[in-house]
Amino acid sequence: MPDLSFFGSRERNLRARARGRVLDLGHRDRDGTRVDLEELVRAAATFDSIVSIFQLSSSRHPLREARYIEQLIADDGEFLFLEATATPGLIGSLQRTVGPPSYDIPALLREAGMCMSDCDRITVANPLRPRMYVEGAAFRALQPTRTDTEMSET
């Protein structure tokens, strides 16, 4: 079991970095409803900071949500995250075949059009299965990412 005080202090530090208009992806309405990112995109909302503490990694559609997040970040805003992430390499591939779904959060953010200004990987030893987490900040890429289709046309 990870040391919750360790993650608690990291969460507090991330939240303290948030500035301006802030969207907390973990916020729930009084009826328990989660933030609807698609609705916010349709409303053309923007935020100076978006905070995700174990929200993106627990999503059923993390890439879609990462793309919404990229659209919601103001031009000079940032996405602050603390997420469970896939272990890279062969070991990670083996873990994903036998364990619960696990996503490579930094790769998802890059695919959604974001760049990371900092990214720390945290490994928590567990006798049954080591777990990896990632903490950092991302921002909108200055140039949109090129899709595979666009790359094949050049």
Protein backbone atom coordinates (compact mmCIF):
# COMPACT_ATOMS: atom_id res chain seq x y z
CA MET A 1 0.00 0.00 0.00
CA PRO A 2 1.50 3.38 -0.93
CA ASP A 3 2.22 5.84 1.84
CA LEU A 4 -0.86 8.07 1.75
CA SER A 5 0.95 10.92 3.53
CA PHE A 6 3.49 10.87 0.69
CA PHE A 7 0.76 11.26 -1.93
CA GLY A 8 -1.14 13.70 0.30
CA SER A 9 1.80 16.09 0.39
CA ARG A 10 2.26 15.79 -3.38
CA GLU A 11 -1.44 16.50 -3.91
CA ARG A 12 -1.29 19.57 -1.66
CA ASN A 13 1.78 20.86 -3.53
CA LEU A 14 0.06 20.42 -6.90
CA ARG A 15 -3.09 22.18 -5.74
CA ALA A 16 -0.96 25.04 -4.34
CA ARG A 17 0.58 25.52 -7.82
CA ALA A 18 -2.86 26.06 -9.40
CA ARG A 19 -3.51 29.67 -10.29
CA GLY A 20 -6.22 31.79 -11.86
CA ARG A 21 -9.39 30.06 -12.94
CA VAL A 22 -9.01 26.44 -11.77
CA LEU A 23 -10.85 23.29 -12.83
CA ASP A 24 -10.50 20.32 -10.47
CA LEU A 25 -11.34 17.13 -12.35
CA GLY A 26 -12.08 15.38 -9.05
CA HIS A 27 -14.81 17.85 -8.13
CA ARG A 28 -18.28 16.37 -7.82
CA ASP A 29 -21.57 18.27 -7.85
CA ARG A 30 -23.97 17.91 -4.94
CA ASP A 31 -25.66 15.03 -6.72
CA GLY A 32 -22.30 13.26 -7.13
CA THR A 33 -21.95 14.03 -10.84
CA ARG A 34 -18.44 14.41 -12.18
CA VAL A 35 -17.30 17.39 -14.27
CA ASP A 36 -18.52 17.04 -17.88
CA LEU A 37 -15.50 17.99 -19.99
CA GLU A 38 -17.35 17.71 -23.29
CA GLU A 39 -19.97 20.19 -22.09
CA LEU A 40 -17.24 22.63 -21.00
CA VAL A 41 -15.58 22.37 -24.43
CA ARG A 42 -18.90 23.06 -26.16
CA ALA A 43 -19.32 26.13 -23.94
CA ALA A 44 -15.82 27.30 -25.03
CA ALA A 45 -14.66 27.45 -21.40
CA THR A 46 -10.98 27.96 -20.63
CA PHE A 47 -9.02 27.52 -17.42
CA ASP A 48 -5.65 28.78 -16.25
CA SER A 49 -5.07 25.54 -14.32
CA ILE A 50 -6.64 22.12 -14.56
CA VAL A 51 -5.86 19.69 -11.73
CA SER A 52 -6.18 15.93 -11.97
CA ILE A 53 -5.44 13.74 -8.98
CA PHE A 54 -5.93 10.10 -10.08
CA GLN A 55 -8.80 11.11 -12.39
CA LEU A 56 -7.35 10.65 -15.88
CA SER A 57 -5.82 7.26 -15.04
CA SER A 58 -9.16 5.98 -13.74
CA SER A 59 -11.14 7.19 -16.76
CA ARG A 60 -12.73 4.75 -19.20
CA HIS A 61 -11.68 7.06 -22.07
CA PRO A 62 -8.45 8.77 -20.98
CA LEU A 63 -7.31 9.87 -24.45
CA ARG A 64 -10.65 11.52 -25.20
CA GLU A 65 -10.55 13.29 -21.83
CA ALA A 66 -6.93 14.37 -22.42
CA ARG A 67 -8.02 15.91 -25.74
CA TYR A 68 -10.81 17.79 -23.97
CA ILE A 69 -8.33 18.99 -21.34
CA GLU A 70 -6.01 20.29 -24.07
CA GLN A 71 -8.89 22.33 -25.49
CA LEU A 72 -9.86 23.70 -22.07
CA ILE A 73 -6.40 24.94 -21.06
CA ALA A 74 -5.84 28.64 -21.68
CA ASP A 75 -2.94 29.47 -24.01
CA ASP A 76 -0.70 30.20 -21.03
CA GLY A 77 -2.38 27.68 -18.70
CA GLU A 78 -1.20 24.34 -17.38
CA PHE A 79 -2.50 20.90 -16.58
CA LEU A 80 -1.26 19.65 -13.19
CA PHE A 81 -1.47 15.92 -12.63
CA LEU A 82 -0.71 13.08 -10.23
CA GLU A 83 -1.74 9.83 -11.89
CA ALA A 84 -1.15 6.11 -11.89
CA THR A 85 0.69 5.25 -15.08
CA ALA A 86 1.86 2.20 -16.98
CA THR A 87 5.33 0.90 -16.34
CA PRO A 88 7.34 1.40 -19.54
CA GLY A 89 8.99 -1.39 -21.49
CA LEU A 90 8.60 -5.16 -21.48
CA ILE A 91 7.75 -5.38 -17.78
CA GLY A 92 4.92 -2.90 -18.27
CA SER A 93 3.58 -4.89 -21.24
CA LEU A 94 3.51 -8.04 -19.14
CA GLN A 95 1.81 -6.27 -16.23
CA ARG A 96 -0.88 -4.85 -18.52
CA THR A 97 -1.74 -8.30 -19.91
CA VAL A 98 -2.44 -9.77 -16.46
CA GLY A 99 -3.50 -6.72 -14.47
CA PRO A 100 -6.13 -4.01 -14.62
CA PRO A 101 -6.02 -1.53 -17.50
CA SER A 102 -3.12 0.84 -17.15
CA TYR A 103 -2.38 3.81 -19.38
CA ASP A 104 0.86 5.57 -20.24
CA ILE A 105 -0.23 9.01 -19.08
CA PRO A 106 2.70 11.00 -20.55
CA ALA A 107 2.14 9.35 -23.95
CA LEU A 108 -1.60 10.13 -23.77
CA LEU A 109 -0.88 13.77 -23.01
CA ARG A 110 1.55 14.04 -25.93
CA GLU A 111 -0.96 12.37 -28.25
CA ALA A 112 -3.61 14.86 -27.10
CA GLY A 113 -1.37 17.78 -28.14
CA MET A 114 0.29 18.70 -24.87
CA CYS A 115 3.92 19.08 -23.85
CA MET A 116 5.24 18.49 -20.36
CA SER A 117 7.25 21.08 -18.52
CA ASP A 118 8.08 18.60 -15.77
CA CYS A 119 7.32 14.96 -15.16
CA ASP A 120 8.46 12.81 -12.23
CA ARG A 121 7.97 9.07 -12.19
CA ILE A 122 7.36 7.52 -8.79
CA THR A 123 7.66 3.77 -8.23
CA VAL A 124 5.94 2.28 -5.21
CA ALA A 125 7.23 -1.18 -4.36
CA ASN A 126 4.51 -3.70 -3.75
CA PRO A 127 5.23 -7.40 -3.15
CA LEU A 128 2.61 -8.49 -5.67
CA ARG A 129 2.96 -5.79 -8.28
CA PRO A 130 5.10 -2.67 -8.28
CA ARG A 131 3.04 0.38 -9.17
CA MET A 132 4.22 3.45 -11.05
CA TYR A 133 2.84 6.95 -10.73
CA VAL A 134 3.59 10.15 -12.58
CA GLU A 135 3.41 13.72 -11.34
CA GLY A 136 3.93 16.81 -13.41
CA ALA A 137 2.66 19.72 -15.41
CA ALA A 138 1.70 19.93 -19.07
CA PHE A 139 0.70 22.76 -21.35
CA ARG A 140 -0.75 23.20 -24.81
CA ALA A 141 1.79 22.61 -27.55
CA LEU A 142 2.69 25.72 -29.51
CA GLN A 143 2.28 23.76 -32.73
CA PRO A 144 -0.50 21.18 -33.01
CA THR A 145 0.70 17.60 -33.11
CA ARG A 146 0.71 15.93 -36.51
CA THR A 147 -1.50 12.90 -36.96
CA ASP A 148 -0.30 9.73 -38.68
CA THR A 149 -2.42 10.66 -41.73
CA GLU A 150 -0.81 14.08 -42.02
CA MET A 151 2.67 12.57 -41.69
CA SER A 152 2.05 10.01 -44.45
CA GLU A 153 0.92 12.80 -46.83
CA THR A 154 4.29 14.61 -46.60
